[in-house]
Amino acid sequence: MVLMLNCSSLPKPEHLKNIPTVVALARVFELKDIVTMIHSCAHASAAISNIQYLLYGDDKAVPEYTAECIALIDQLNIQENFKFMGQRPEPHLLFAEGDISILTSISEGFPYTVIESMASGIPVVATDVGGVREALDSKSGFLCKPKDSIEIGNRVVELLTNAELRLQMSKNGRQRVLDHFTVDKFISSYEACYEKLHAKSTIKH
């Protein structure tokens, strides 16, 4: 369980309304596997030429890795498709810029960004690692094998080209957050744990 968020959706900004947009919130370093994200963009751009991947997050922490990513973007000739956007205040509000969001980590704890995306009504394409499966179900987005840029890219294209599926996953994701990841659910879960521990302690004494 996780202490969550105001479950509100915002309209997509005007300047992106006619552009198929994928948003990522991630620190740029190896465990987030931005390299695979870039390769998925290259694969998806073959089907959707004007696709935009907007990556928000700290791109200064591991400069060598960031340089590797920028070189790969140049090599794949997708400078117009994949953009490093840097850090922003109130990052959870940035999901509204996307039609979908993406997470390509090779290791995760509990993925707050996945919950934030779902709360914003934005379907998710994510790698099936760590606690991602706990947050994201098949009705709210797609789980993919880590490092599989082709599968990830295909799922991105599927969601961006199927408005009905995108809308249904948007509704399902928001409902899943309301059902499982609100403040009330968080408090109730902890209260139940404490009561269970207290009961065990009473029995022992």
N, C-alpha and C. Protein backbone atom coordinates (compact mmCIF):
# COMPACT_ATOMS: atom_id res chain seq x y z
N MET A 1 0.84 -1.20 0.00
CA MET A 1 0.00 0.00 0.00
C MET A 1 0.87 1.25 0.00
N VAL A 2 0.26 2.35 -0.42
CA VAL A 2 1.02 3.59 -0.53
C VAL A 2 0.12 4.78 -0.22
N LEU A 3 0.71 5.77 0.41
CA LEU A 3 -0.02 7.00 0.72
C LEU A 3 -0.19 7.80 -0.56
N MET A 4 -1.41 7.96 -1.01
CA MET A 4 -1.63 8.57 -2.31
C MET A 4 -2.43 9.82 -2.19
N LEU A 5 -2.20 10.62 -2.97
CA LEU A 5 -2.33 11.56 -4.02
C LEU A 5 -3.76 11.97 -4.21
N ASN A 6 -3.85 13.09 -4.75
CA ASN A 6 -5.12 13.57 -5.19
C ASN A 6 -5.36 12.97 -6.57
N CYS A 7 -6.47 12.26 -6.70
CA CYS A 7 -6.74 11.50 -7.92
C CYS A 7 -7.47 12.38 -8.93
N SER A 8 -6.76 13.30 -9.53
CA SER A 8 -7.40 14.21 -10.46
C SER A 8 -6.73 14.13 -11.82
N SER A 9 -7.53 14.29 -12.86
CA SER A 9 -6.97 14.30 -14.21
C SER A 9 -7.03 15.72 -14.75
N LEU A 10 -6.05 16.08 -15.56
CA LEU A 10 -5.97 17.40 -16.16
C LEU A 10 -6.04 17.26 -17.67
N PRO A 11 -6.49 18.31 -18.37
CA PRO A 11 -6.52 18.23 -19.83
C PRO A 11 -5.11 18.25 -20.42
N LYS A 12 -4.95 17.61 -21.56
CA LYS A 12 -3.67 17.65 -22.25
C LYS A 12 -3.40 19.06 -22.75
N PRO A 13 -2.17 19.57 -22.61
CA PRO A 13 -1.86 20.93 -23.07
C PRO A 13 -2.13 21.10 -24.57
N GLU A 14 -2.54 22.28 -24.95
CA GLU A 14 -2.91 22.57 -26.34
C GLU A 14 -1.79 22.23 -27.32
N HIS A 15 -0.54 22.57 -26.96
CA HIS A 15 0.56 22.40 -27.92
C HIS A 15 0.89 20.93 -28.19
N LEU A 16 0.32 20.02 -27.38
CA LEU A 16 0.56 18.59 -27.58
C LEU A 16 -0.68 17.82 -28.03
N LYS A 17 -1.79 18.51 -28.19
CA LYS A 17 -3.07 17.81 -28.39
C LYS A 17 -3.09 16.92 -29.63
N ASN A 18 -2.42 17.31 -30.68
CA ASN A 18 -2.43 16.50 -31.90
C ASN A 18 -1.15 15.70 -32.09
N ILE A 19 -0.39 15.56 -31.03
CA ILE A 19 0.87 14.83 -31.09
C ILE A 19 0.78 13.60 -30.19
N PRO A 20 0.98 12.40 -30.72
CA PRO A 20 0.99 11.20 -29.87
C PRO A 20 2.16 11.28 -28.88
N THR A 21 1.84 11.35 -27.60
CA THR A 21 2.85 11.70 -26.60
C THR A 21 2.97 10.65 -25.51
N VAL A 22 4.22 10.29 -25.22
CA VAL A 22 4.55 9.34 -24.17
C VAL A 22 5.36 10.09 -23.12
N VAL A 23 4.91 10.05 -21.88
CA VAL A 23 5.61 10.76 -20.79
C VAL A 23 6.29 9.75 -19.87
N ALA A 24 7.51 10.09 -19.48
CA ALA A 24 8.23 9.29 -18.48
C ALA A 24 8.75 10.22 -17.40
N LEU A 25 8.64 9.78 -16.15
CA LEU A 25 9.26 10.47 -15.03
C LEU A 25 10.28 9.54 -14.43
N ALA A 26 11.56 9.85 -14.62
CA ALA A 26 12.60 8.93 -14.17
C ALA A 26 13.94 9.65 -14.06
N ARG A 27 14.67 9.30 -13.03
CA ARG A 27 16.06 9.73 -12.92
C ARG A 27 16.86 9.01 -13.99
N VAL A 28 17.72 9.71 -14.66
CA VAL A 28 18.45 9.12 -15.78
C VAL A 28 19.69 8.39 -15.25
N PHE A 29 19.52 7.08 -15.03
CA PHE A 29 20.65 6.24 -14.65
C PHE A 29 20.32 4.80 -15.02
N GLU A 30 21.28 3.91 -14.81
CA GLU A 30 21.21 2.58 -15.41
C GLU A 30 19.99 1.79 -15.00
N LEU A 31 19.57 1.84 -13.72
CA LEU A 31 18.45 1.02 -13.27
C LEU A 31 17.13 1.40 -13.93
N LYS A 32 17.01 2.62 -14.40
CA LYS A 32 15.79 3.02 -15.11
C LYS A 32 15.84 2.60 -16.58
N ASP A 33 16.98 2.12 -17.02
CA ASP A 33 17.18 1.59 -18.38
C ASP A 33 16.60 2.51 -19.45
N ILE A 34 17.09 3.74 -19.45
CA ILE A 34 16.66 4.71 -20.44
C ILE A 34 17.08 4.29 -21.85
N VAL A 35 18.15 3.51 -21.94
CA VAL A 35 18.59 3.01 -23.24
C VAL A 35 17.48 2.20 -23.91
N THR A 36 16.85 1.30 -23.15
CA THR A 36 15.74 0.52 -23.70
C THR A 36 14.57 1.43 -24.05
N MET A 37 14.32 2.44 -23.25
CA MET A 37 13.25 3.39 -23.55
C MET A 37 13.50 4.07 -24.89
N ILE A 38 14.75 4.46 -25.12
CA ILE A 38 15.11 5.12 -26.37
C ILE A 38 14.91 4.17 -27.55
N HIS A 39 15.35 2.93 -27.40
CA HIS A 39 15.16 1.95 -28.47
C HIS A 39 13.67 1.71 -28.75
N SER A 40 12.85 1.71 -27.69
CA SER A 40 11.40 1.53 -27.90
C SER A 40 10.82 2.71 -28.67
N CYS A 41 11.35 3.89 -28.44
CA CYS A 41 10.91 5.08 -29.18
C CYS A 41 11.26 4.94 -30.66
N ALA A 42 12.47 4.48 -30.93
CA ALA A 42 12.88 4.30 -32.32
C ALA A 42 11.96 3.29 -33.02
N HIS A 43 11.64 2.21 -32.32
CA HIS A 43 10.75 1.19 -32.89
C HIS A 43 9.35 1.76 -33.11
N ALA A 44 8.83 2.48 -32.13
CA ALA A 44 7.48 3.04 -32.25
C ALA A 44 7.41 4.12 -33.33
N SER A 45 8.49 4.86 -33.50
CA SER A 45 8.48 5.95 -34.48
C SER A 45 8.38 5.44 -35.91
N ALA A 46 8.73 4.17 -36.13
CA ALA A 46 8.57 3.59 -37.47
C ALA A 46 7.10 3.47 -37.84
N ALA A 47 6.23 3.33 -36.83
CA ALA A 47 4.79 3.24 -37.06
C ALA A 47 4.09 4.59 -36.87
N ILE A 48 4.62 5.42 -35.97
CA ILE A 48 4.01 6.73 -35.67
C ILE A 48 5.13 7.77 -35.80
N SER A 49 5.24 8.38 -36.95
CA SER A 49 6.42 9.20 -37.24
C SER A 49 6.55 10.44 -36.36
N ASN A 50 5.40 10.97 -35.89
CA ASN A 50 5.46 12.19 -35.07
C ASN A 50 5.35 11.92 -33.58
N ILE A 51 5.59 10.69 -33.17
CA ILE A 51 5.54 10.35 -31.75
C ILE A 51 6.54 11.18 -30.96
N GLN A 52 6.15 11.55 -29.74
CA GLN A 52 7.03 12.29 -28.84
C GLN A 52 7.17 11.53 -27.53
N TYR A 53 8.41 11.24 -27.14
CA TYR A 53 8.70 10.75 -25.80
C TYR A 53 9.25 11.94 -25.02
N LEU A 54 8.63 12.31 -23.91
CA LEU A 54 9.09 13.40 -23.06
C LEU A 54 9.56 12.80 -21.74
N LEU A 55 10.86 12.86 -21.50
CA LEU A 55 11.44 12.28 -20.29
C LEU A 55 11.76 13.38 -19.29
N TYR A 56 11.02 13.39 -18.18
CA TYR A 56 11.24 14.36 -17.11
C TYR A 56 12.01 13.68 -15.98
N GLY A 57 13.02 14.39 -15.46
CA GLY A 57 13.78 13.85 -14.34
C GLY A 57 15.22 14.31 -14.38
N ASP A 58 15.93 13.98 -13.34
CA ASP A 58 17.33 14.41 -13.17
C ASP A 58 18.22 13.73 -14.20
N ASP A 59 18.75 14.51 -15.13
CA ASP A 59 19.66 13.96 -16.13
C ASP A 59 21.11 14.41 -15.90
N LYS A 60 21.38 14.90 -14.69
CA LYS A 60 22.73 15.37 -14.35
C LYS A 60 23.43 14.45 -13.36
N ALA A 61 22.69 13.54 -12.75
CA ALA A 61 23.25 12.72 -11.66
C ALA A 61 24.33 11.77 -12.16
N VAL A 62 24.13 11.19 -13.33
CA VAL A 62 25.11 10.25 -13.89
C VAL A 62 25.43 10.73 -15.31
N PRO A 63 26.29 11.72 -15.44
CA PRO A 63 26.52 12.35 -16.74
C PRO A 63 27.01 11.40 -17.82
N GLU A 64 27.80 10.39 -17.42
CA GLU A 64 28.29 9.43 -18.43
C GLU A 64 27.13 8.67 -19.06
N TYR A 65 26.16 8.27 -18.24
CA TYR A 65 25.01 7.53 -18.76
C TYR A 65 24.14 8.44 -19.63
N THR A 66 23.95 9.68 -19.19
CA THR A 66 23.18 10.63 -19.98
C THR A 66 23.84 10.84 -21.34
N ALA A 67 25.16 10.96 -21.35
CA ALA A 67 25.89 11.13 -22.61
C ALA A 67 25.70 9.92 -23.52
N GLU A 68 25.71 8.73 -22.93
CA GLU A 68 25.47 7.51 -23.71
C GLU A 68 24.07 7.53 -24.34
N CYS A 69 23.09 7.99 -23.57
CA CYS A 69 21.72 8.06 -24.08
C CYS A 69 21.60 9.08 -25.21
N ILE A 70 22.21 10.23 -25.05
CA ILE A 70 22.15 11.26 -26.09
C ILE A 70 22.83 10.77 -27.37
N ALA A 71 23.95 10.08 -27.21
CA ALA A 71 24.64 9.52 -28.38
C ALA A 71 23.77 8.50 -29.10
N LEU A 72 23.03 7.71 -28.34
CA LEU A 72 22.15 6.70 -28.93
C LEU A 72 21.00 7.37 -29.69
N ILE A 73 20.46 8.43 -29.12
CA ILE A 73 19.38 9.18 -29.79
C ILE A 73 19.88 9.71 -31.13
N ASP A 74 21.09 10.24 -31.15
CA ASP A 74 21.68 10.74 -32.39
C ASP A 74 21.91 9.60 -33.38
N GLN A 75 22.41 8.49 -32.88
CA GLN A 75 22.69 7.33 -33.73
C GLN A 75 21.41 6.82 -34.39
N LEU A 76 20.32 6.80 -33.64
CA LEU A 76 19.05 6.30 -34.16
C LEU A 76 18.26 7.36 -34.92
N ASN A 77 18.79 8.58 -34.92
CA ASN A 77 18.19 9.69 -35.64
C ASN A 77 16.75 9.97 -35.18
N ILE A 78 16.57 10.01 -33.87
CA ILE A 78 15.23 10.28 -33.32
C ILE A 78 15.27 11.52 -32.42
N GLN A 79 16.11 12.49 -32.79
CA GLN A 79 16.22 13.71 -31.99
C GLN A 79 14.89 14.45 -31.89
N GLU A 80 14.05 14.33 -32.91
CA GLU A 80 12.75 15.01 -32.90
C GLU A 80 11.69 14.22 -32.15
N ASN A 81 12.01 12.97 -31.81
CA ASN A 81 11.03 12.10 -31.15
C ASN A 81 11.27 11.92 -29.66
N PHE A 82 12.51 11.99 -29.24
CA PHE A 82 12.85 11.71 -27.84
C PHE A 82 13.51 12.95 -27.23
N LYS A 83 12.90 13.49 -26.17
CA LYS A 83 13.38 14.75 -25.57
C LYS A 83 13.65 14.59 -24.08
N PHE A 84 14.82 15.04 -23.66
CA PHE A 84 15.12 15.18 -22.23
C PHE A 84 14.56 16.53 -21.78
N MET A 85 13.67 16.50 -20.80
CA MET A 85 12.96 17.71 -20.37
C MET A 85 13.46 18.27 -19.05
N GLY A 86 14.37 17.55 -18.37
CA GLY A 86 14.89 18.02 -17.10
C GLY A 86 13.89 17.86 -15.97
N GLN A 87 14.24 18.43 -14.82
CA GLN A 87 13.37 18.33 -13.65
C GLN A 87 12.36 19.46 -13.64
N ARG A 88 11.21 19.20 -13.03
CA ARG A 88 10.15 20.19 -12.92
C ARG A 88 9.54 20.11 -11.53
N PRO A 89 9.01 21.24 -11.02
CA PRO A 89 8.26 21.17 -9.76
C PRO A 89 6.95 20.43 -10.00
N GLU A 90 6.42 19.85 -8.96
CA GLU A 90 5.16 19.09 -9.01
C GLU A 90 5.15 18.10 -10.18
N PRO A 91 6.10 17.18 -10.18
CA PRO A 91 6.24 16.28 -11.34
C PRO A 91 5.02 15.44 -11.63
N HIS A 92 4.21 15.11 -10.59
CA HIS A 92 3.03 14.27 -10.85
C HIS A 92 2.03 14.94 -11.79
N LEU A 93 2.09 16.27 -11.92
CA LEU A 93 1.18 16.97 -12.81
C LEU A 93 1.58 16.82 -14.28
N LEU A 94 2.79 16.35 -14.53
CA LEU A 94 3.30 16.26 -15.89
C LEU A 94 2.68 15.12 -16.68
N PHE A 95 2.09 14.15 -16.00
CA PHE A 95 1.49 13.03 -16.73
C PHE A 95 0.39 13.50 -17.67
N ALA A 96 -0.25 14.61 -17.37
CA ALA A 96 -1.30 15.13 -18.25
C ALA A 96 -0.79 15.50 -19.62
N GLU A 97 0.51 15.66 -19.77
CA GLU A 97 1.07 15.98 -21.08
C GLU A 97 1.05 14.78 -22.01
N GLY A 98 0.89 13.59 -21.46
CA GLY A 98 0.99 12.38 -22.27
C GLY A 98 -0.36 11.75 -22.56
N ASP A 99 -0.40 10.99 -23.63
CA ASP A 99 -1.52 10.10 -23.89
C ASP A 99 -1.33 8.81 -23.09
N ILE A 100 -0.07 8.44 -22.90
CA ILE A 100 0.29 7.29 -22.08
C ILE A 100 1.59 7.62 -21.35
N SER A 101 1.97 6.78 -20.39
CA SER A 101 3.26 6.94 -19.74
C SER A 101 4.05 5.64 -19.85
N ILE A 102 5.34 5.72 -19.55
CA ILE A 102 6.22 4.57 -19.74
C ILE A 102 7.20 4.46 -18.58
N LEU A 103 7.52 3.22 -18.22
CA LEU A 103 8.53 2.91 -17.22
C LEU A 103 9.31 1.71 -17.74
N THR A 104 10.64 1.85 -17.87
CA THR A 104 11.44 0.77 -18.45
C THR A 104 12.50 0.24 -17.48
N SER A 105 12.26 0.38 -16.20
CA SER A 105 13.24 -0.01 -15.18
C SER A 105 13.60 -1.49 -15.26
N ILE A 106 14.82 -1.80 -14.85
CA ILE A 106 15.21 -3.20 -14.69
C ILE A 106 15.14 -3.60 -13.22
N SER A 107 14.86 -2.63 -12.34
CA SER A 107 14.68 -2.90 -10.91
C SER A 107 13.79 -1.79 -10.34
N GLU A 108 12.83 -2.18 -9.51
CA GLU A 108 11.92 -1.21 -8.89
C GLU A 108 11.51 -1.70 -7.52
N GLY A 109 11.22 -0.76 -6.63
CA GLY A 109 10.52 -1.08 -5.41
C GLY A 109 9.03 -0.99 -5.74
N PHE A 110 8.31 -0.17 -4.98
CA PHE A 110 6.93 0.11 -5.35
C PHE A 110 6.93 1.35 -6.24
N PRO A 111 6.37 1.29 -7.45
CA PRO A 111 6.53 2.37 -8.44
C PRO A 111 5.52 3.51 -8.26
N TYR A 112 5.90 4.52 -7.50
CA TYR A 112 5.01 5.65 -7.27
C TYR A 112 4.57 6.31 -8.57
N THR A 113 5.49 6.38 -9.55
CA THR A 113 5.14 7.06 -10.80
C THR A 113 4.02 6.33 -11.54
N VAL A 114 3.98 5.02 -11.42
CA VAL A 114 2.90 4.26 -12.06
C VAL A 114 1.55 4.63 -11.42
N ILE A 115 1.51 4.71 -10.10
CA ILE A 115 0.28 5.09 -9.41
C ILE A 115 -0.12 6.51 -9.75
N GLU A 116 0.86 7.41 -9.80
CA GLU A 116 0.57 8.80 -10.15
C GLU A 116 -0.01 8.91 -11.55
N SER A 117 0.55 8.14 -12.47
CA SER A 117 0.03 8.13 -13.84
C SER A 117 -1.40 7.62 -13.88
N MET A 118 -1.67 6.51 -13.21
CA MET A 118 -3.02 5.95 -13.17
C MET A 118 -4.00 6.93 -12.53
N ALA A 119 -3.57 7.58 -11.46
CA ALA A 119 -4.43 8.56 -10.78
C ALA A 119 -4.77 9.72 -11.70
N SER A 120 -3.85 10.01 -12.62
CA SER A 120 -4.06 11.10 -13.58
C SER A 120 -4.86 10.66 -14.80
N GLY A 121 -5.25 9.38 -14.83
CA GLY A 121 -6.02 8.88 -15.97
C GLY A 121 -5.17 8.58 -17.18
N ILE A 122 -3.88 8.31 -16.97
CA ILE A 122 -2.96 8.04 -18.06
C ILE A 122 -2.53 6.58 -18.02
N PRO A 123 -2.87 5.78 -19.03
CA PRO A 123 -2.48 4.37 -19.06
C PRO A 123 -0.96 4.22 -19.10
N VAL A 124 -0.48 3.06 -18.66
CA VAL A 124 0.95 2.85 -18.46
C VAL A 124 1.45 1.65 -19.25
N VAL A 125 2.62 1.81 -19.85
CA VAL A 125 3.39 0.69 -20.37
C VAL A 125 4.63 0.57 -19.48
N ALA A 126 4.79 -0.57 -18.82
CA ALA A 126 5.87 -0.69 -17.83
C ALA A 126 6.50 -2.07 -17.88
N THR A 127 7.73 -2.14 -17.42
CA THR A 127 8.41 -3.43 -17.30
C THR A 127 7.94 -4.15 -16.04
N ASP A 128 7.88 -5.46 -16.15
CA ASP A 128 7.36 -6.30 -15.07
C ASP A 128 8.51 -6.65 -14.11
N VAL A 129 8.84 -5.68 -13.26
CA VAL A 129 9.93 -5.86 -12.30
C VAL A 129 9.47 -5.36 -10.93
N GLY A 130 10.09 -5.90 -9.88
CA GLY A 130 9.83 -5.43 -8.52
C GLY A 130 8.34 -5.38 -8.20
N GLY A 131 7.91 -4.23 -7.65
CA GLY A 131 6.53 -4.08 -7.23
C GLY A 131 5.59 -3.53 -8.30
N VAL A 132 6.06 -3.48 -9.55
CA VAL A 132 5.22 -2.89 -10.61
C VAL A 132 3.91 -3.66 -10.76
N ARG A 133 3.99 -4.98 -10.73
CA ARG A 133 2.78 -5.80 -10.90
C ARG A 133 1.78 -5.56 -9.77
N GLU A 134 2.26 -5.20 -8.58
CA GLU A 134 1.36 -4.89 -7.48
C GLU A 134 0.53 -3.65 -7.77
N ALA A 135 1.14 -2.69 -8.47
CA ALA A 135 0.46 -1.44 -8.78
C ALA A 135 -0.38 -1.53 -10.04
N LEU A 136 0.20 -2.11 -11.09
CA LEU A 136 -0.41 -2.08 -12.42
C LEU A 136 -0.99 -3.43 -12.78
N ASP A 137 -2.29 -3.45 -13.13
CA ASP A 137 -2.88 -4.70 -13.61
C ASP A 137 -3.14 -4.59 -15.11
N SER A 138 -3.57 -5.69 -15.71
CA SER A 138 -3.72 -5.74 -17.17
C SER A 138 -4.88 -4.89 -17.67
N LYS A 139 -5.73 -4.42 -16.77
CA LYS A 139 -6.84 -3.57 -17.19
C LYS A 139 -6.46 -2.09 -17.21
N SER A 140 -5.29 -1.78 -16.65
CA SER A 140 -4.88 -0.37 -16.52
C SER A 140 -3.66 -0.03 -17.36
N GLY A 141 -3.07 -1.04 -18.02
CA GLY A 141 -1.88 -0.80 -18.81
C GLY A 141 -1.25 -2.11 -19.23
N PHE A 142 -0.02 -2.05 -19.70
CA PHE A 142 0.68 -3.24 -20.18
C PHE A 142 1.94 -3.48 -19.38
N LEU A 143 2.15 -4.73 -19.00
CA LEU A 143 3.40 -5.17 -18.38
C LEU A 143 4.24 -5.87 -19.44
N CYS A 144 5.50 -5.48 -19.53
CA CYS A 144 6.39 -6.02 -20.56
C CYS A 144 7.66 -6.58 -19.93
N LYS A 145 8.32 -7.44 -20.67
CA LYS A 145 9.59 -7.97 -20.21
C LYS A 145 10.63 -6.85 -20.16
N PRO A 146 11.46 -6.81 -19.11
CA PRO A 146 12.52 -5.79 -19.07
C PRO A 146 13.49 -5.97 -20.23
N LYS A 147 13.99 -4.86 -20.72
CA LYS A 147 14.98 -4.79 -21.81
C LYS A 147 14.43 -5.21 -23.17
N ASP A 148 13.14 -5.47 -23.28
CA ASP A 148 12.55 -5.87 -24.55
C ASP A 148 11.95 -4.64 -25.24
N SER A 149 12.79 -3.90 -25.94
CA SER A 149 12.35 -2.64 -26.54
C SER A 149 11.31 -2.85 -27.63
N ILE A 150 11.34 -4.01 -28.29
CA ILE A 150 10.36 -4.28 -29.35
C ILE A 150 8.97 -4.47 -28.75
N GLU A 151 8.87 -5.30 -27.72
CA GLU A 151 7.57 -5.49 -27.06
C GLU A 151 7.07 -4.17 -26.48
N ILE A 152 7.94 -3.45 -25.82
CA ILE A 152 7.55 -2.17 -25.23
C ILE A 152 7.08 -1.21 -26.30
N GLY A 153 7.85 -1.11 -27.39
CA GLY A 153 7.46 -0.22 -28.48
C GLY A 153 6.14 -0.63 -29.12
N ASN A 154 5.92 -1.92 -29.27
CA ASN A 154 4.65 -2.40 -29.84
C ASN A 154 3.47 -2.04 -28.95
N ARG A 155 3.65 -2.16 -27.64
CA ARG A 155 2.56 -1.81 -26.71
C ARG A 155 2.29 -0.31 -26.73
N VAL A 156 3.35 0.47 -26.87
CA VAL A 156 3.19 1.93 -27.00
C VAL A 156 2.35 2.25 -28.23
N VAL A 157 2.70 1.64 -29.35
CA VAL A 157 1.95 1.88 -30.59
C VAL A 157 0.51 1.43 -30.44
N GLU A 158 0.30 0.27 -29.83
CA GLU A 158 -1.05 -0.25 -29.65
C GLU A 158 -1.92 0.72 -28.88
N LEU A 159 -1.39 1.26 -27.80
CA LEU A 159 -2.17 2.19 -26.99
C LEU A 159 -2.40 3.52 -27.70
N LEU A 160 -1.37 4.01 -28.38
CA LEU A 160 -1.51 5.31 -29.04
C LEU A 160 -2.45 5.27 -30.24
N THR A 161 -2.62 4.11 -30.84
CA THR A 161 -3.46 4.01 -32.03
C THR A 161 -4.85 3.44 -31.73
N ASN A 162 -5.13 3.17 -30.46
CA ASN A 162 -6.43 2.60 -30.09
C ASN A 162 -7.05 3.48 -29.00
N ALA A 163 -7.81 4.48 -29.44
CA ALA A 163 -8.38 5.46 -28.50
C ALA A 163 -9.36 4.80 -27.53
N GLU A 164 -10.11 3.81 -28.01
CA GLU A 164 -11.08 3.14 -27.14
C GLU A 164 -10.38 2.38 -26.01
N LEU A 165 -9.32 1.66 -26.35
CA LEU A 165 -8.54 0.93 -25.34
C LEU A 165 -7.91 1.90 -24.35
N ARG A 166 -7.38 2.99 -24.87
CA ARG A 166 -6.74 4.00 -24.02
C ARG A 166 -7.74 4.57 -23.01
N LEU A 167 -8.93 4.88 -23.49
CA LEU A 167 -9.97 5.44 -22.61
C LEU A 167 -10.38 4.43 -21.54
N GLN A 168 -10.54 3.17 -21.92
CA GLN A 168 -10.95 2.16 -20.96
C GLN A 168 -9.87 1.95 -19.91
N MET A 169 -8.60 1.88 -20.33
CA MET A 169 -7.51 1.72 -19.37
C MET A 169 -7.37 2.95 -18.47
N SER A 170 -7.66 4.12 -19.02
CA SER A 170 -7.65 5.34 -18.20
C SER A 170 -8.66 5.24 -17.07
N LYS A 171 -9.89 4.84 -17.41
CA LYS A 171 -10.94 4.70 -16.39
C LYS A 171 -10.58 3.61 -15.38
N ASN A 172 -10.08 2.49 -15.88
CA ASN A 172 -9.73 1.39 -14.98
C ASN A 172 -8.59 1.77 -14.04
N GLY A 173 -7.61 2.49 -14.56
CA GLY A 173 -6.47 2.88 -13.72
C GLY A 173 -6.88 3.81 -12.61
N ARG A 174 -7.70 4.81 -12.93
CA ARG A 174 -8.17 5.74 -11.90
C ARG A 174 -8.98 5.01 -10.83
N GLN A 175 -9.83 4.08 -11.27
CA GLN A 175 -10.64 3.33 -10.32
C GLN A 175 -9.77 2.45 -9.44
N ARG A 176 -8.73 1.87 -10.03
CA ARG A 176 -7.83 1.02 -9.24
C ARG A 176 -7.13 1.82 -8.15
N VAL A 177 -6.74 3.04 -8.45
CA VAL A 177 -6.13 3.90 -7.43
C VAL A 177 -7.14 4.19 -6.33
N LEU A 178 -8.37 4.53 -6.71
CA LEU A 178 -9.40 4.81 -5.71
C LEU A 178 -9.71 3.59 -4.84
N ASP A 179 -9.65 2.42 -5.45
CA ASP A 179 -9.98 1.19 -4.72
C ASP A 179 -8.86 0.71 -3.80
N HIS A 180 -7.60 1.02 -4.17
CA HIS A 180 -6.48 0.38 -3.46
C HIS A 180 -5.41 1.33 -2.90
N PHE A 181 -5.31 2.55 -3.41
CA PHE A 181 -4.13 3.34 -3.09
C PHE A 181 -4.42 4.75 -2.60
N THR A 182 -5.60 4.97 -2.00
CA THR A 182 -5.91 6.27 -1.43
C THR A 182 -5.42 6.35 0.02
N VAL A 183 -5.49 7.54 0.59
CA VAL A 183 -5.08 7.75 1.99
C VAL A 183 -5.90 6.87 2.92
N ASP A 184 -7.22 6.81 2.70
CA ASP A 184 -8.08 6.01 3.57
C ASP A 184 -7.69 4.53 3.54
N LYS A 185 -7.41 4.02 2.32
CA LYS A 185 -7.01 2.62 2.19
C LYS A 185 -5.68 2.37 2.90
N PHE A 186 -4.79 3.33 2.76
CA PHE A 186 -3.47 3.24 3.40
C PHE A 186 -3.62 3.16 4.92
N ILE A 187 -4.43 4.05 5.49
CA ILE A 187 -4.62 4.09 6.95
C ILE A 187 -5.30 2.80 7.43
N SER A 188 -6.32 2.37 6.71
CA SER A 188 -7.03 1.14 7.09
C SER A 188 -6.11 -0.07 7.09
N SER A 189 -5.24 -0.13 6.10
CA SER A 189 -4.30 -1.24 6.00
C SER A 189 -3.35 -1.27 7.20
N TYR A 190 -2.83 -0.10 7.58
CA TYR A 190 -1.93 -0.04 8.73
C TYR A 190 -2.65 -0.34 10.03
N GLU A 191 -3.88 0.15 10.16
CA GLU A 191 -4.65 -0.13 11.38
C GLU A 191 -4.87 -1.63 11.53
N ALA A 192 -5.18 -2.29 10.42
CA ALA A 192 -5.41 -3.73 10.45
C ALA A 192 -4.14 -4.47 10.86
N CYS A 193 -2.98 -4.01 10.35
CA CYS A 193 -1.70 -4.64 10.72
C CYS A 193 -1.42 -4.47 12.20
N TYR A 194 -1.63 -3.24 12.71
CA TYR A 194 -1.36 -2.99 14.13
C TYR A 194 -2.29 -3.81 15.02
N GLU A 195 -3.58 -3.91 14.63
CA GLU A 195 -4.53 -4.69 15.41
C GLU A 195 -4.14 -6.17 15.44
N LYS A 196 -3.68 -6.66 14.32
CA LYS A 196 -3.25 -8.06 14.24
C LYS A 196 -2.04 -8.31 15.13
N LEU A 197 -1.07 -7.39 15.10
CA LEU A 197 0.12 -7.52 15.94
C LEU A 197 -0.24 -7.42 17.41
N HIS A 198 -1.15 -6.50 17.73
CA HIS A 198 -1.58 -6.34 19.12
C HIS A 198 -2.28 -7.60 19.62
N ALA A 199 -3.10 -8.20 18.78
CA ALA A 199 -3.82 -9.41 19.15
C ALA A 199 -2.84 -10.55 19.43
N LYS A 200 -1.82 -10.68 18.60
CA LYS A 200 -0.80 -11.73 18.79
C LYS A 200 -0.04 -11.50 20.09
N SER A 201 0.28 -10.23 20.36
CA SER A 201 1.02 -9.90 21.58
C SER A 201 0.18 -10.21 22.82
N THR A 202 -1.13 -9.94 22.77
CA THR A 202 -2.02 -10.20 23.89
C THR A 202 -2.12 -11.71 24.17
N ILE A 203 -2.19 -12.49 23.08
CA ILE A 203 -2.28 -13.95 23.24
C ILE A 203 -1.04 -14.51 23.93
N LYS A 204 0.13 -14.00 23.55
CA LYS A 204 1.38 -14.49 24.12
C LYS A 204 1.49 -14.18 25.60
N HIS A 205 0.88 -13.07 26.02
CA HIS A 205 0.97 -12.68 27.43
C HIS A 205 -0.21 -13.23 28.23
